[in-house]
PDB file of all heavy atoms in Angstrom:
ATOM      1  N   THR A   1       0.799  -1.231  -0.004  1.00  0.00           N
ATOM      2  CA  THR A   1       0.039  -0.021   0.013  1.00  0.00           C
ATOM      3  C   THR A   1       0.814   1.212   0.064  1.00  0.00           C
ATOM      4  O   THR A   1       0.553   2.287  -0.711  1.00  0.00           O
ATOM      5  CB  THR A   1      -0.992  -0.063   1.186  1.00  0.00           C
ATOM      6  OG1 THR A   1      -1.824  -1.069   1.119  1.00  0.00           O
ATOM      7  CG2 THR A   1      -1.725   1.277   1.319  1.00  0.00           C
ATOM      8  N   LYS A   2       1.981   1.220   0.680  1.00  0.00           N
ATOM      9  CA  LYS A   2       2.930   2.315   0.804  1.00  0.00           C
ATOM     10  C   LYS A   2       3.497   2.559  -0.498  1.00  0.00           C
ATOM     11  O   LYS A   2       3.676   3.724  -1.091  1.00  0.00           O
ATOM     12  CB  LYS A   2       3.993   2.047   1.875  1.00  0.00           C
ATOM     13  CG  LYS A   2       5.034   3.144   1.972  1.00  0.00           C
ATOM     14  CD  LYS A   2       5.976   2.818   3.197  1.00  0.00           C
ATOM     15  CE  LYS A   2       7.192   3.755   3.166  1.00  0.00           C
ATOM     16  NZ  LYS A   2       8.065   3.589   2.190  1.00  0.00           N
ATOM     17  N   LEU A   3       3.985   1.403  -1.271  1.00  0.00           N
ATOM     18  CA  LEU A   3       4.572   1.520  -2.564  1.00  0.00           C
ATOM     19  C   LEU A   3       3.514   2.130  -3.587  1.00  0.00           C
ATOM     20  O   LEU A   3       3.962   2.936  -4.364  1.00  0.00           O
ATOM     21  CB  LEU A   3       4.945   0.217  -3.080  1.00  0.00           C
ATOM     22  CG  LEU A   3       6.236  -0.553  -2.348  1.00  0.00           C
ATOM     23  CD1 LEU A   3       6.586  -1.755  -2.985  1.00  0.00           C
ATOM     24  CD2 LEU A   3       7.460   0.527  -2.328  1.00  0.00           C
ATOM     25  N   ARG A   4       2.329   1.806  -3.365  1.00  0.00           N
ATOM     26  CA  ARG A   4       1.246   2.208  -4.290  1.00  0.00           C
ATOM     27  C   ARG A   4       1.105   3.764  -4.113  1.00  0.00           C
ATOM     28  O   ARG A   4       0.953   4.466  -5.066  1.00  0.00           O
ATOM     29  CB  ARG A   4      -0.132   1.582  -3.845  1.00  0.00           C
ATOM     30  CG  ARG A   4      -0.381   0.249  -4.643  1.00  0.00           C
ATOM     31  CD  ARG A   4      -1.694  -0.373  -4.100  1.00  0.00           C
ATOM     32  NE  ARG A   4      -2.289  -1.395  -5.143  1.00  0.00           N
ATOM     33  CZ  ARG A   4      -1.705  -2.531  -5.314  1.00  0.00           C
ATOM     34  NH1 ARG A   4      -0.671  -2.946  -4.581  1.00  0.00           N
ATOM     35  NH2 ARG A   4      -2.362  -3.392  -6.289  1.00  0.00           N
ATOM     36  N   GLU A   5       1.150   4.230  -2.855  1.00  0.00           N
ATOM     37  CA  GLU A   5       1.007   5.593  -2.577  1.00  0.00           C
ATOM     38  C   GLU A   5       2.158   6.405  -3.093  1.00  0.00           C
ATOM     39  O   GLU A   5       2.041   7.656  -3.218  1.00  0.00           O
ATOM     40  CB  GLU A   5       0.706   5.906  -1.146  1.00  0.00           C
ATOM     41  CG  GLU A   5      -0.630   5.327  -0.666  1.00  0.00           C
ATOM     42  CD  GLU A   5      -0.740   5.330   0.823  1.00  0.00           C
ATOM     43  OE1 GLU A   5       0.092   5.596   1.525  1.00  0.00           O
ATOM     44  OE2 GLU A   5      -1.904   4.949   1.422  1.00  0.00           O
ATOM     45  N   GLU A   6       3.259   5.852  -3.238  1.00  0.00           N
ATOM     46  CA  GLU A   6       4.407   6.563  -3.777  1.00  0.00           C
ATOM     47  C   GLU A   6       4.559   6.475  -5.288  1.00  0.00           C
ATOM     48  O   GLU A   6       5.459   6.951  -5.852  1.00  0.00           O
ATOM     49  CB  GLU A   6       5.772   5.969  -3.006  1.00  0.00           C
ATOM     50  CG  GLU A   6       5.839   6.193  -1.709  1.00  0.00           C
ATOM     51  CD  GLU A   6       6.985   5.341  -1.005  1.00  0.00           C
ATOM     52  OE1 GLU A   6       7.555   4.471  -1.806  1.00  0.00           O
ATOM     53  OE2 GLU A   6       7.301   5.622   0.123  1.00  0.00           O
ATOM     54  N   ALA A   7       3.709   5.654  -5.887  1.00  0.00           N
ATOM     55  CA  ALA A   7       3.814   5.328  -7.296  1.00  0.00           C
ATOM     56  C   ALA A   7       2.632   6.172  -8.087  1.00  0.00           C
ATOM     57  O   ALA A   7       1.821   6.709  -7.473  1.00  0.00           O
ATOM     58  CB  ALA A   7       3.573   3.919  -7.686  1.00  0.00           C
ATOM     59  N   TYR A   8       2.800   5.983  -9.389  1.00  0.00           N
ATOM     60  CA  TYR A   8       1.665   6.508 -10.258  1.00  0.00           C
ATOM     61  C   TYR A   8       0.980   5.258 -10.860  1.00  0.00           C
ATOM     62  O   TYR A   8       1.492   4.607 -11.710  1.00  0.00           O
ATOM     63  CB  TYR A   8       2.246   7.538 -11.339  1.00  0.00           C
ATOM     64  CG  TYR A   8       2.781   8.798 -10.841  1.00  0.00           C
ATOM     65  CD1 TYR A   8       4.122   8.865 -10.586  1.00  0.00           C
ATOM     66  CD2 TYR A   8       2.028   9.870 -10.575  1.00  0.00           C
ATOM     67  CE1 TYR A   8       4.693   9.964 -10.019  1.00  0.00           C
ATOM     68  CE2 TYR A   8       2.515  11.049 -10.123  1.00  0.00           C
ATOM     69  CZ  TYR A   8       3.883  11.094  -9.751  1.00  0.00           C
ATOM     70  OH  TYR A   8       4.426  12.258  -9.337  1.00  0.00           O
ATOM     71  N   ILE A   9      -0.319   5.107 -10.497  1.00  0.00           N
ATOM     72  CA  ILE A   9      -1.029   3.856 -11.053  1.00  0.00           C
ATOM     73  C   ILE A   9      -2.403   4.419 -11.604  1.00  0.00           C
ATOM     74  O   ILE A   9      -3.113   5.203 -11.019  1.00  0.00           O
ATOM     75  CB  ILE A   9      -1.290   2.944  -9.840  1.00  0.00           C
ATOM     76  CG1 ILE A   9       0.007   2.477  -9.266  1.00  0.00           C
ATOM     77  CG2 ILE A   9      -2.169   1.754 -10.253  1.00  0.00           C
ATOM     78  CD1 ILE A   9      -0.144   1.580  -8.058  1.00  0.00           C
ATOM     79  N   ASP A  10      -2.665   3.751 -12.667  1.00  0.00           N
ATOM     80  CA  ASP A  10      -3.867   4.091 -13.454  1.00  0.00           C
ATOM     81  C   ASP A  10      -4.423   2.857 -14.040  1.00  0.00           C
ATOM     82  O   ASP A  10      -3.846   1.993 -14.728  1.00  0.00           O
ATOM     83  CB  ASP A  10      -3.697   5.130 -14.567  1.00  0.00           C
ATOM     84  CG  ASP A  10      -4.991   5.438 -15.183  1.00  0.00           C
ATOM     85  OD1 ASP A  10      -5.979   5.592 -14.532  1.00  0.00           O
ATOM     86  OD2 ASP A  10      -4.968   5.687 -16.406  1.00  0.00           O
ATOM     87  N   VAL A  11      -5.747   2.504 -13.524  1.00  0.00           N
ATOM     88  CA  VAL A  11      -6.325   1.222 -13.883  1.00  0.00           C
ATOM     89  C   VAL A  11      -7.391   1.559 -14.861  1.00  0.00           C
ATOM     90  O   VAL A  11      -8.388   2.429 -14.558  1.00  0.00           O
ATOM     91  CB  VAL A  11      -6.939   0.489 -12.691  1.00  0.00           C
ATOM     92  CG1 VAL A  11      -7.608  -0.743 -13.172  1.00  0.00           C
ATOM     93  CG2 VAL A  11      -5.732   0.057 -11.822  1.00  0.00           C
ATOM     94  N   LYS A  12      -7.699   0.929 -16.076  1.00  0.00           N
ATOM     95  CA  LYS A  12      -8.582   1.244 -17.074  1.00  0.00           C
ATOM     96  C   LYS A  12     -10.020   0.783 -16.447  1.00  0.00           C
ATOM     97  O   LYS A  12     -10.153  -0.082 -15.681  1.00  0.00           O
ATOM     98  CB  LYS A  12      -8.332   0.279 -18.292  1.00  0.00           C
ATOM     99  CG  LYS A  12      -9.400   0.628 -19.347  1.00  0.00           C
ATOM    100  CD  LYS A  12      -9.035  -0.080 -20.635  1.00  0.00           C
ATOM    101  CE  LYS A  12     -10.013   0.224 -21.700  1.00  0.00           C
ATOM    102  NZ  LYS A  12      -9.809  -0.528 -23.038  1.00  0.00           N
ATOM    103  N   GLU A  13     -10.954   1.585 -16.840  1.00  0.00           N
ATOM    104  CA  GLU A  13     -12.394   1.311 -16.381  1.00  0.00           C
ATOM    105  C   GLU A  13     -12.913  -0.053 -16.709  1.00  0.00           C
ATOM    106  O   GLU A  13     -12.535  -0.446 -17.948  1.00  0.00           O
ATOM    107  CB  GLU A  13     -13.274   2.421 -17.004  1.00  0.00           C
ATOM    108  CG  GLU A  13     -14.649   2.357 -16.478  1.00  0.00           C
ATOM    109  CD  GLU A  13     -15.447   3.474 -17.013  1.00  0.00           C
ATOM    110  OE1 GLU A  13     -14.948   4.392 -17.624  1.00  0.00           O
ATOM    111  OE2 GLU A  13     -16.758   3.379 -16.995  1.00  0.00           O
ATOM    112  N   GLY A  14     -13.408  -0.705 -15.957  1.00  0.00           N
ATOM    113  CA  GLY A  14     -13.906  -2.088 -16.228  1.00  0.00           C
ATOM    114  C   GLY A  14     -13.004  -3.048 -15.483  1.00  0.00           C
ATOM    115  O   GLY A  14     -13.364  -4.261 -15.467  1.00  0.00           O
ATOM    116  N   TYR A  15     -11.855  -2.647 -15.107  1.00  0.00           N
ATOM    117  CA  TYR A  15     -10.947  -3.554 -14.248  1.00  0.00           C
ATOM    118  C   TYR A  15     -10.853  -3.120 -12.847  1.00  0.00           C
ATOM    119  O   TYR A  15     -10.978  -1.830 -12.647  1.00  0.00           O
ATOM    120  CB  TYR A  15      -9.532  -3.561 -15.028  1.00  0.00           C
ATOM    121  CG  TYR A  15      -9.484  -4.285 -16.236  1.00  0.00           C
ATOM    122  CD1 TYR A  15      -9.796  -3.395 -17.407  1.00  0.00           C
ATOM    123  CD2 TYR A  15      -9.291  -5.601 -16.491  1.00  0.00           C
ATOM    124  CE1 TYR A  15      -9.955  -4.072 -18.745  1.00  0.00           C
ATOM    125  CE2 TYR A  15      -9.344  -6.163 -17.760  1.00  0.00           C
ATOM    126  CZ  TYR A  15      -9.571  -5.451 -18.910  1.00  0.00           C
ATOM    127  OH  TYR A  15      -9.600  -5.981 -20.098  1.00  0.00           O
ATOM    128  N   THR A  16     -10.545  -4.071 -11.944  1.00  0.00           N
ATOM    129  CA  THR A  16     -10.503  -3.666 -10.557  1.00  0.00           C
ATOM    130  C   THR A  16      -9.228  -4.029 -10.013  1.00  0.00           C
ATOM    131  O   THR A  16      -8.646  -5.295 -10.092  1.00  0.00           O
ATOM    132  CB  THR A  16     -11.684  -4.342  -9.774  1.00  0.00           C
ATOM    133  OG1 THR A  16     -12.888  -3.975 -10.363  1.00  0.00           O
ATOM    134  CG2 THR A  16     -11.674  -3.946  -8.297  1.00  0.00           C
ATOM    135  N   ASP A  17      -8.621  -2.997  -9.177  1.00  0.00           N
ATOM    136  CA  ASP A  17      -7.425  -3.366  -8.394  1.00  0.00           C
ATOM    137  C   ASP A  17      -7.865  -3.470  -6.950  1.00  0.00           C
ATOM    138  O   ASP A  17      -8.114  -2.438  -6.236  1.00  0.00           O
ATOM    139  CB  ASP A  17      -6.396  -2.134  -8.592  1.00  0.00           C
ATOM    140  CG  ASP A  17      -5.276  -2.259  -7.618  1.00  0.00           C
ATOM    141  OD1 ASP A  17      -5.020  -3.510  -7.099  1.00  0.00           O
ATOM    142  OD2 ASP A  17      -4.523  -1.420  -7.382  1.00  0.00           O
ATOM    143  N   SER A  18      -7.872  -4.755  -6.518  1.00  0.00           N
ATOM    144  CA  SER A  18      -8.498  -4.884  -5.074  1.00  0.00           C
ATOM    145  C   SER A  18      -7.590  -4.418  -3.979  1.00  0.00           C
ATOM    146  O   SER A  18      -7.971  -4.356  -2.860  1.00  0.00           O
ATOM    147  CB  SER A  18      -8.802  -6.406  -4.873  1.00  0.00           C
ATOM    148  OG  SER A  18      -7.624  -7.296  -5.016  1.00  0.00           O
ATOM    149  N   GLY A  19      -6.334  -4.072  -4.394  1.00  0.00           N
ATOM    150  CA  GLY A  19      -5.357  -3.589  -3.439  1.00  0.00           C
ATOM    151  C   GLY A  19      -5.109  -2.168  -3.571  1.00  0.00           C
ATOM    152  O   GLY A  19      -4.264  -1.578  -2.819  1.00  0.00           O
ATOM    153  N   ALA A  20      -6.022  -1.431  -4.151  1.00  0.00           N
ATOM    154  CA  ALA A  20      -5.879   0.063  -4.381  1.00  0.00           C
ATOM    155  C   ALA A  20      -5.958   0.866  -3.071  1.00  0.00           C
ATOM    156  O   ALA A  20      -6.727   0.469  -2.250  1.00  0.00           O
ATOM    157  CB  ALA A  20      -6.844   0.584  -5.366  1.00  0.00           C
ATOM    158  N   SER A  21      -5.171   1.860  -3.053  1.00  0.00           N
ATOM    159  CA  SER A  21      -5.246   2.792  -1.837  1.00  0.00           C
ATOM    160  C   SER A  21      -5.885   4.011  -2.280  1.00  0.00           C
ATOM    161  O   SER A  21      -5.694   4.643  -3.362  1.00  0.00           O
ATOM    162  CB  SER A  21      -3.852   3.077  -1.288  1.00  0.00           C
ATOM    163  OG  SER A  21      -3.818   4.191  -0.486  1.00  0.00           O
ATOM    164  N   PRO A  22      -6.754   4.739  -1.406  1.00  0.00           N
ATOM    165  CA  PRO A  22      -7.382   5.881  -1.761  1.00  0.00           C
ATOM    166  C   PRO A  22      -6.385   7.086  -1.918  1.00  0.00           C
ATOM    167  O   PRO A  22      -6.741   8.140  -2.509  1.00  0.00           O
ATOM    168  CB  PRO A  22      -8.367   6.277  -0.639  1.00  0.00           C
ATOM    169  CG  PRO A  22      -7.773   5.358   0.526  1.00  0.00           C
ATOM    170  CD  PRO A  22      -7.194   4.245  -0.121  1.00  0.00           C
ATOM    171  N   ASN A  23      -5.171   6.908  -1.538  1.00  0.00           N
ATOM    172  CA  ASN A  23      -4.148   8.001  -1.680  1.00  0.00           C
ATOM    173  C   ASN A  23      -3.311   7.751  -2.811  1.00  0.00           C
ATOM    174  O   ASN A  23      -2.160   8.416  -2.969  1.00  0.00           O
ATOM    175  CB  ASN A  23      -3.293   7.864  -0.319  1.00  0.00           C
ATOM    176  CG  ASN A  23      -4.119   8.209   0.824  1.00  0.00           C
ATOM    177  OD1 ASN A  23      -4.990   9.099   0.882  1.00  0.00           O
ATOM    178  ND2 ASN A  23      -3.748   7.588   2.032  1.00  0.00           N
ATOM    179  N   GLU A  24      -3.632   6.903  -3.698  1.00  0.00           N
ATOM    180  CA  GLU A  24      -2.962   6.660  -5.030  1.00  0.00           C
ATOM    181  C   GLU A  24      -2.820   7.995  -5.989  1.00  0.00           C
ATOM    182  O   GLU A  24      -3.993   8.639  -5.927  1.00  0.00           O
ATOM    183  CB  GLU A  24      -3.315   5.454  -5.782  1.00  0.00           C
ATOM    184  CG  GLU A  24      -2.925   4.230  -5.018  1.00  0.00           C
ATOM    185  CD  GLU A  24      -3.403   2.946  -5.787  1.00  0.00           C
ATOM    186  OE1 GLU A  24      -3.769   3.022  -6.961  1.00  0.00           O
ATOM    187  OE2 GLU A  24      -3.393   1.838  -5.273  1.00  0.00           O
ATOM    188  N   THR A  25      -1.861   8.066  -6.662  1.00  0.00           N
ATOM    189  CA  THR A  25      -1.816   9.240  -7.647  1.00  0.00           C
ATOM    190  C   THR A  25      -1.812   8.725  -9.065  1.00  0.00           C
ATOM    191  O   THR A  25      -1.092   7.752  -9.309  1.00  0.00           O
ATOM    192  CB  THR A  25      -0.525  10.061  -7.499  1.00  0.00           C
ATOM    193  OG1 THR A  25      -0.410  10.440  -6.067  1.00  0.00           O
ATOM    194  CG2 THR A  25      -0.469  11.276  -8.450  1.00  0.00           C
ATOM    195  N   LYS A  26      -2.747   9.244  -9.792  1.00  0.00           N
ATOM    196  CA  LYS A  26      -2.896   8.716 -11.237  1.00  0.00           C
ATOM    197  C   LYS A  26      -1.899   9.443 -12.123  1.00  0.00           C
ATOM    198  O   LYS A  26      -1.725  10.663 -11.859  1.00  0.00           O
ATOM    199  CB  LYS A  26      -4.229   8.891 -11.744  1.00  0.00           C
ATOM    200  CG  LYS A  26      -5.317   8.025 -11.190  1.00  0.00           C
ATOM    201  CD  LYS A  26      -6.618   7.941 -12.029  1.00  0.00           C
ATOM    202  CE  LYS A  26      -7.474   6.894 -11.392  1.00  0.00           C
ATOM    203  NZ  LYS A  26      -8.830   6.973 -12.263  1.00  0.00           N
ATOM    204  N   PRO A  27      -1.181   8.771 -13.089  1.00  0.00           N
ATOM    205  CA  PRO A  27      -0.288   9.560 -14.020  1.00  0.00           C
ATOM    206  C   PRO A  27      -0.977  10.443 -14.831  1.00  0.00           C
ATOM    207  O   PRO A  27      -2.191  10.179 -15.232  1.00  0.00           O
ATOM    208  CB  PRO A  27       0.401   8.375 -14.757  1.00  0.00           C
ATOM    209  CG  PRO A  27      -0.650   7.252 -14.707  1.00  0.00           C
ATOM    210  CD  PRO A  27      -1.476   7.393 -13.349  1.00  0.00           C
ATOM    211  N   VAL A  28      -0.292  11.459 -15.167  1.00  0.00           N
ATOM    212  CA  VAL A  28      -0.864  12.553 -16.097  1.00  0.00           C
ATOM    213  C   VAL A  28      -0.608  12.116 -17.525  1.00  0.00           C
ATOM    214  O   VAL A  28       0.400  11.505 -17.851  1.00  0.00           O
ATOM    215  CB  VAL A  28      -0.087  13.860 -15.911  1.00  0.00           C
ATOM    216  CG1 VAL A  28      -0.692  14.938 -16.888  1.00  0.00           C
ATOM    217  CG2 VAL A  28      -0.442  14.433 -14.499  1.00  0.00           C
ATOM    218  N   GLU A  29      -1.663  12.086 -18.361  1.00  0.00           N
ATOM    219  CA  GLU A  29      -1.531  11.625 -19.701  1.00  0.00           C
ATOM    220  C   GLU A  29      -0.750  12.714 -20.607  1.00  0.00           C
ATOM    221  O   GLU A  29      -1.159  13.867 -20.794  1.00  0.00           O
ATOM    222  CB  GLU A  29      -2.912  11.539 -20.286  1.00  0.00           C
ATOM    223  CG  GLU A  29      -3.066  10.771 -21.675  1.00  0.00           C
ATOM    224  CD  GLU A  29      -2.732   9.299 -21.559  1.00  0.00           C
ATOM    225  OE1 GLU A  29      -2.730   8.834 -20.444  1.00  0.00           O
ATOM    226  OE2 GLU A  29      -2.514   8.693 -22.630  1.00  0.00           O
ATOM    227  N   THR A  30       0.380  12.383 -21.029  1.00  0.00           N
ATOM    228  CA  THR A  30       1.248  13.362 -21.835  1.00  0.00           C
ATOM    229  C   THR A  30       1.658  12.708 -23.129  1.00  0.00           C
ATOM    230  O   THR A  30       1.552  11.393 -23.131  1.00  0.00           O
ATOM    231  CB  THR A  30       2.431  13.748 -20.943  1.00  0.00           C
ATOM    232  OG1 THR A  30       3.386  12.632 -20.689  1.00  0.00           O
ATOM    233  CG2 THR A  30       2.130  14.506 -19.604  1.00  0.00           C
ATOM    234  N   ALA A  31       2.217  13.386 -23.900  1.00  0.00           N
ATOM    235  CA  ALA A  31       2.834  12.845 -25.223  1.00  0.00           C
ATOM    236  C   ALA A  31       3.954  11.883 -24.890  1.00  0.00           C
ATOM    237  O   ALA A  31       4.039  10.792 -25.532  1.00  0.00           O
ATOM    238  CB  ALA A  31       3.261  14.003 -26.060  1.00  0.00           C
ATOM    239  N   ALA A  32       4.787  12.134 -23.933  1.00  0.00           N
ATOM    240  CA  ALA A  32       5.885  11.369 -23.488  1.00  0.00           C
ATOM    241  C   ALA A  32       5.310  10.084 -22.970  1.00  0.00           C
ATOM    242  O   ALA A  32       5.967   8.995 -23.144  1.00  0.00           O
ATOM    243  CB  ALA A  32       6.779  12.075 -22.495  1.00  0.00           C
ATOM    244  N   ALA A  33       4.252  10.156 -22.046  1.00  0.00           N
ATOM    245  CA  ALA A  33       3.657   8.925 -21.592  1.00  0.00           C
ATOM    246  C   ALA A  33       3.108   8.121 -22.669  1.00  0.00           C
ATOM    247  O   ALA A  33       3.320   6.791 -22.690  1.00  0.00           O
ATOM    248  CB  ALA A  33       2.616   9.304 -20.563  1.00  0.00           C
ATOM    249  N   LYS A  34       2.424   8.568 -23.688  1.00  0.00           N
ATOM    250  CA  LYS A  34       1.952   7.924 -24.676  1.00  0.00           C
ATOM    251  C   LYS A  34       3.004   7.219 -25.577  1.00  0.00           C
ATOM    252  O   LYS A  34       2.828   6.076 -26.112  1.00  0.00           O
ATOM    253  CB  LYS A  34       1.060   8.736 -25.696  1.00  0.00           C
ATOM    254  CG  LYS A  34      -0.241   9.118 -25.086  1.00  0.00           C
ATOM    255  CD  LYS A  34      -1.010  10.074 -26.102  1.00  0.00           C
ATOM    256  CE  LYS A  34      -2.353  10.519 -25.412  1.00  0.00           C
ATOM    257  NZ  LYS A  34      -3.037  11.377 -26.401  1.00  0.00           N
ATOM    258  N   GLU A  35       4.136   7.942 -25.781  1.00  0.00           N
ATOM    259  CA  GLU A  35       5.263   7.420 -26.371  1.00  0.00           C
ATOM    260  C   GLU A  35       5.873   5.991 -25.592  1.00  0.00           C
ATOM    261  O   GLU A  35       6.256   5.118 -26.384  1.00  0.00           O
ATOM    262  CB  GLU A  35       6.394   8.327 -26.739  1.00  0.00           C
ATOM    263  CG  GLU A  35       7.632   7.937 -27.493  1.00  0.00           C
ATOM    264  CD  GLU A  35       8.548   9.058 -27.725  1.00  0.00           C
ATOM    265  OE1 GLU A  35       8.275  10.270 -27.385  1.00  0.00           O
ATOM    266  OE2 GLU A  35       9.491   8.710 -28.204  1.00  0.00           O
ATOM    267  N   THR A  36       5.972   6.273 -24.453  1.00  0.00           N
ATOM    268  CA  THR A  36       6.381   5.131 -23.550  1.00  0.00           C
ATOM    269  C   THR A  36       5.586   3.940 -23.626  1.00  0.00           C
ATOM    270  O   THR A  36       6.056   2.835 -23.708  1.00  0.00           O
ATOM    271  CB  THR A  36       6.631   5.712 -22.144  1.00  0.00           C
ATOM    272  OG1 THR A  36       7.512   6.670 -21.950  1.00  0.00           O
ATOM    273  CG2 THR A  36       7.085   4.508 -21.115  1.00  0.00           C
ATOM    274  N   ASP A  37       4.222   4.305 -23.464  1.00  0.00           N
ATOM    275  CA  ASP A  37       3.317   3.156 -23.733  1.00  0.00           C
ATOM    276  C   ASP A  37       3.408   2.357 -25.007  1.00  0.00           C
ATOM    277  O   ASP A  37       3.454   1.059 -25.081  1.00  0.00           O
ATOM    278  CB  ASP A  37       1.797   3.693 -23.612  1.00  0.00           C
ATOM    279  CG  ASP A  37       1.469   4.033 -22.178  1.00  0.00           C
ATOM    280  OD1 ASP A  37       2.245   3.707 -21.237  1.00  0.00           O
ATOM    281  OD2 ASP A  37       0.430   4.635 -21.978  1.00  0.00           O
ATOM    282  N   ALA A  38       3.659   3.208 -26.068  1.00  0.00           N
ATOM    283  CA  ALA A  38       3.861   2.589 -27.416  1.00  0.00           C
ATOM    284  C   ALA A  38       4.989   1.707 -27.414  1.00  0.00           C
ATOM    285  O   ALA A  38       5.031   0.559 -28.010  1.00  0.00           O
ATOM    286  CB  ALA A  38       3.912   3.710 -28.543  1.00  0.00           C
ATOM    287  N   LYS A  39       6.132   2.187 -26.950  1.00  0.00           N
ATOM    288  CA  LYS A  39       7.451   1.314 -26.853  1.00  0.00           C
ATOM    289  C   LYS A  39       7.139   0.071 -26.000  1.00  0.00           C
ATOM    290  O   LYS A  39       7.670  -0.892 -26.482  1.00  0.00           O
ATOM    291  CB  LYS A  39       8.558   2.219 -26.278  1.00  0.00           C
ATOM    292  CG  LYS A  39       9.033   3.407 -27.143  1.00  0.00           C
ATOM    293  CD  LYS A  39      10.083   4.157 -26.553  1.00  0.00           C
ATOM    294  CE  LYS A  39      10.601   5.298 -27.405  1.00  0.00           C
ATOM    295  NZ  LYS A  39      11.753   6.034 -26.710  1.00  0.00           N
ATOM    296  N   ASN A  40       6.532   0.186 -24.987  1.00  0.00           N
ATOM    297  CA  ASN A  40       6.347  -1.014 -24.122  1.00  0.00           C
ATOM    298  C   ASN A  40       5.519  -1.956 -24.814  1.00  0.00           C
ATOM    299  O   ASN A  40       5.697  -3.257 -24.719  1.00  0.00           O
ATOM    300  CB  ASN A  40       5.732  -0.526 -22.729  1.00  0.00           C
ATOM    301  CG  ASN A  40       6.734   0.000 -21.825  1.00  0.00           C
ATOM    302  OD1 ASN A  40       7.951  -0.283 -21.914  1.00  0.00           O
ATOM    303  ND2 ASN A  40       6.205   0.904 -20.964  1.00  0.00           N
ATOM    304  N   LEU A  41       4.418  -1.481 -25.419  1.00  0.00           N
ATOM    305  CA  LEU A  41       3.491  -2.449 -26.204  1.00  0.00           C
ATOM    306  C   LEU A  41       4.284  -3.083 -27.398  1.00  0.00           C
ATOM    307  O   LEU A  41       4.038  -4.236 -27.606  1.00  0.00           O
ATOM    308  CB  LEU A  41       2.451  -1.629 -26.806  1.00  0.00           C
ATOM    309  CG  LEU A  41       1.136  -1.426 -25.889  1.00  0.00           C
ATOM    310  CD1 LEU A  41       0.110  -0.536 -26.543  1.00  0.00           C
ATOM    311  CD2 LEU A  41       0.477  -2.748 -25.704  1.00  0.00           C
ATOM    312  N   LYS A  42       5.182  -2.421 -28.037  1.00  0.00           N
ATOM    313  CA  LYS A  42       6.000  -2.912 -29.108  1.00  0.00           C
ATOM    314  C   LYS A  42       6.762  -3.988 -28.614  1.00  0.00           C
ATOM    315  O   LYS A  42       7.049  -5.014 -29.303  1.00  0.00           O
ATOM    316  CB  LYS A  42       6.777  -1.801 -29.844  1.00  0.00           C
ATOM    317  CG  LYS A  42       7.512  -2.231 -30.969  1.00  0.00           C
ATOM    318  CD  LYS A  42       8.209  -1.125 -31.737  1.00  0.00           C
ATOM    319  CE  LYS A  42       8.877  -1.514 -33.043  1.00  0.00           C
ATOM    320  NZ  LYS A  42       9.698  -0.362 -33.549  1.00  0.00           N
ATOM    321  N   LYS A  43       7.495  -3.847 -27.382  1.00  0.00           N
ATOM    322  CA  LYS A  43       8.339  -4.862 -26.902  1.00  0.00           C
ATOM    323  C   LYS A  43       7.574  -6.136 -26.452  1.00  0.00           C
ATOM    324  O   LYS A  43       7.992  -7.205 -26.727  1.00  0.00           O
ATOM    325  CB  LYS A  43       9.012  -4.384 -25.513  1.00  0.00           C
ATOM    326  CG  LYS A  43      10.020  -3.250 -25.812  1.00  0.00           C
ATOM    327  CD  LYS A  43      10.644  -2.797 -24.454  1.00  0.00           C
ATOM    328  CE  LYS A  43      11.620  -1.639 -24.621  1.00  0.00           C
ATOM    329  NZ  LYS A  43      12.288  -1.124 -23.418  1.00  0.00           N
TER     330      LYS A  43
END
């Protein structure tokens, strides 16, 4: 839970993270983030 609160976690609607903390921070959607997602998907 502590690691979750120190991280940036975003779960898509329709899926459930049963260990979520109310103090979690969602990542901001940026062009750099989208580029990173694309690279990870490609891998």
